[in-house]
Amino acid sequence: MQDDQTNQPSGQSGNASAPASGGATQEGSISKGEGNKFLVEVDQNICIGAASCVALASKVFQLNSENKAYVVDPKGDSDEEIIQAAKSCPTNAIKLVNKETGKIEYP
């Protein structure tokens, strides 16, 4: 079975807790990472594991062992793919914050 960090508190080790390519982290139930344009966050408390985000931006999002989405590499897919993935989430568990303005761009 693959080791999965997404349910571990911040600071504990796991193979995807801070990938070199994306700087994704896990803080409680929020998985986040800083992409090119956006700070990408997934609230795992409201994620239902629909996996539409994974289908649309599989380099950014993956599902953990509890079928909750988490950020793998926030720079892995294009900004447009990330936007479409966020919009596809049926529970709006994905939040996109513009890094330059600090404005929440989605939802």
Protein backbone atom coordinates (compact mmCIF):
# COMPACT_ATOMS: atom_id res chain seq x y z
CA MET A 1 0.00 0.00 0.00
CA GLN A 2 1.28 3.45 -0.88
CA ASP A 3 2.14 5.76 2.02
CA ASP A 4 -0.24 8.72 2.08
CA GLN A 5 0.36 11.95 3.98
CA THR A 6 -2.97 13.63 3.52
CA ASN A 7 -4.39 12.61 6.86
CA GLN A 8 -1.31 13.45 8.87
CA PRO A 9 -0.99 16.72 10.78
CA SER A 10 1.47 19.24 9.45
CA GLY A 11 5.03 18.40 10.35
CA GLN A 12 4.71 14.63 10.14
CA SER A 13 6.46 12.80 7.36
CA GLY A 14 4.79 11.30 4.33
CA ASN A 15 5.83 10.82 0.77
CA ALA A 16 3.73 13.69 -0.58
CA SER A 17 3.69 16.15 2.31
CA ALA A 18 5.92 18.62 0.51
CA PRO A 19 6.80 17.56 -3.01
CA ALA A 20 9.81 19.42 -4.34
CA SER A 21 8.01 20.38 -7.54
CA GLY A 22 4.97 22.02 -6.00
CA GLY A 23 5.43 22.79 -2.33
CA ALA A 24 2.06 21.29 -1.40
CA THR A 25 1.30 20.99 2.30
CA GLN A 26 -1.34 19.58 4.61
CA GLU A 27 -2.66 21.65 7.52
CA GLY A 28 -5.41 19.83 9.37
CA SER A 29 -8.15 19.18 6.84
CA ILE A 30 -6.81 21.72 4.31
CA SER A 31 -4.44 20.57 1.61
CA LYS A 32 -2.82 23.46 -0.22
CA GLY A 33 -0.05 24.53 -2.52
CA GLU A 34 1.18 27.59 -4.32
CA GLY A 35 0.85 27.40 -8.08
CA ASN A 36 1.83 29.84 -10.80
CA LYS A 37 -1.19 32.12 -10.39
CA PHE A 38 -3.17 30.62 -7.53
CA LEU A 39 -2.89 29.39 -4.00
CA VAL A 40 -4.83 26.14 -4.43
CA GLU A 41 -6.66 24.78 -1.38
CA VAL A 42 -8.81 21.69 -0.86
CA ASP A 43 -11.06 21.51 2.21
CA GLN A 44 -11.18 17.79 2.90
CA ASN A 45 -14.02 18.26 5.39
CA ILE A 46 -16.40 18.94 2.52
CA CYS A 47 -14.75 16.88 -0.24
CA ILE A 48 -16.91 13.89 -1.20
CA GLY A 49 -14.37 12.20 -3.45
CA ALA A 50 -16.20 12.80 -6.73
CA ALA A 51 -12.74 12.96 -8.38
CA SER A 52 -13.75 15.39 -11.12
CA CYS A 53 -10.77 17.53 -10.09
CA VAL A 54 -8.47 14.54 -10.60
CA ALA A 55 -9.99 13.86 -14.01
CA LEU A 56 -9.43 17.46 -15.13
CA ALA A 57 -6.12 18.28 -13.42
CA SER A 58 -4.49 15.00 -12.45
CA LYS A 59 -1.04 16.50 -11.93
CA VAL A 60 -2.44 18.93 -9.33
CA PHE A 61 -5.03 16.77 -7.54
CA GLN A 62 -5.12 13.17 -6.34
CA LEU A 63 -7.35 11.21 -3.95
CA ASN A 64 -6.03 9.83 -0.68
CA SER A 65 -6.94 6.51 0.94
CA GLU A 66 -10.15 8.07 2.30
CA ASN A 67 -11.15 9.29 -1.19
CA LYS A 68 -10.50 12.91 -0.28
CA ALA A 69 -8.77 15.17 -2.80
CA TYR A 70 -5.44 16.72 -1.97
CA VAL A 71 -2.94 18.97 -3.75
CA VAL A 72 0.04 17.11 -5.16
CA ASP A 73 1.73 19.67 -7.42
CA PRO A 74 -0.05 23.03 -7.74
CA LYS A 75 2.08 23.88 -10.78
CA GLY A 76 1.45 20.55 -12.51
CA ASP A 77 -1.40 21.64 -14.78
CA SER A 78 -2.29 24.92 -16.49
CA ASP A 79 -4.18 27.64 -14.65
CA GLU A 80 -7.16 27.05 -16.95
CA GLU A 81 -7.19 23.33 -16.10
CA ILE A 82 -7.03 24.16 -12.40
CA ILE A 83 -9.96 26.59 -12.75
CA GLN A 84 -12.02 23.97 -14.60
CA ALA A 85 -11.18 21.37 -11.95
CA ALA A 86 -12.28 23.72 -9.15
CA LYS A 87 -15.51 24.54 -10.98
CA SER A 88 -16.21 20.84 -11.47
CA CYS A 89 -16.24 20.12 -7.72
CA PRO A 90 -19.84 19.45 -6.64
CA THR A 91 -19.22 20.70 -3.08
CA ASN A 92 -16.94 23.68 -3.87
CA ALA A 93 -14.21 22.09 -1.76
CA ILE A 94 -11.51 23.70 -3.94
CA LYS A 95 -10.62 27.34 -3.32
CA LEU A 96 -8.44 29.37 -5.66
CA VAL A 97 -6.82 32.53 -4.32
CA ASN A 98 -5.05 34.91 -6.69
CA LYS A 99 -1.47 35.19 -5.43
CA GLU A 100 -1.01 38.77 -6.66
CA THR A 101 -4.23 40.30 -5.36
CA GLY A 102 -5.14 37.96 -2.49
CA LYS A 103 -8.66 37.84 -3.95
CA ILE A 104 -10.58 34.56 -3.87
CA GLU A 105 -11.22 33.78 -7.53
CA TYR A 106 -13.19 30.61 -6.92
CA PRO A 107 -15.70 29.79 -5.48
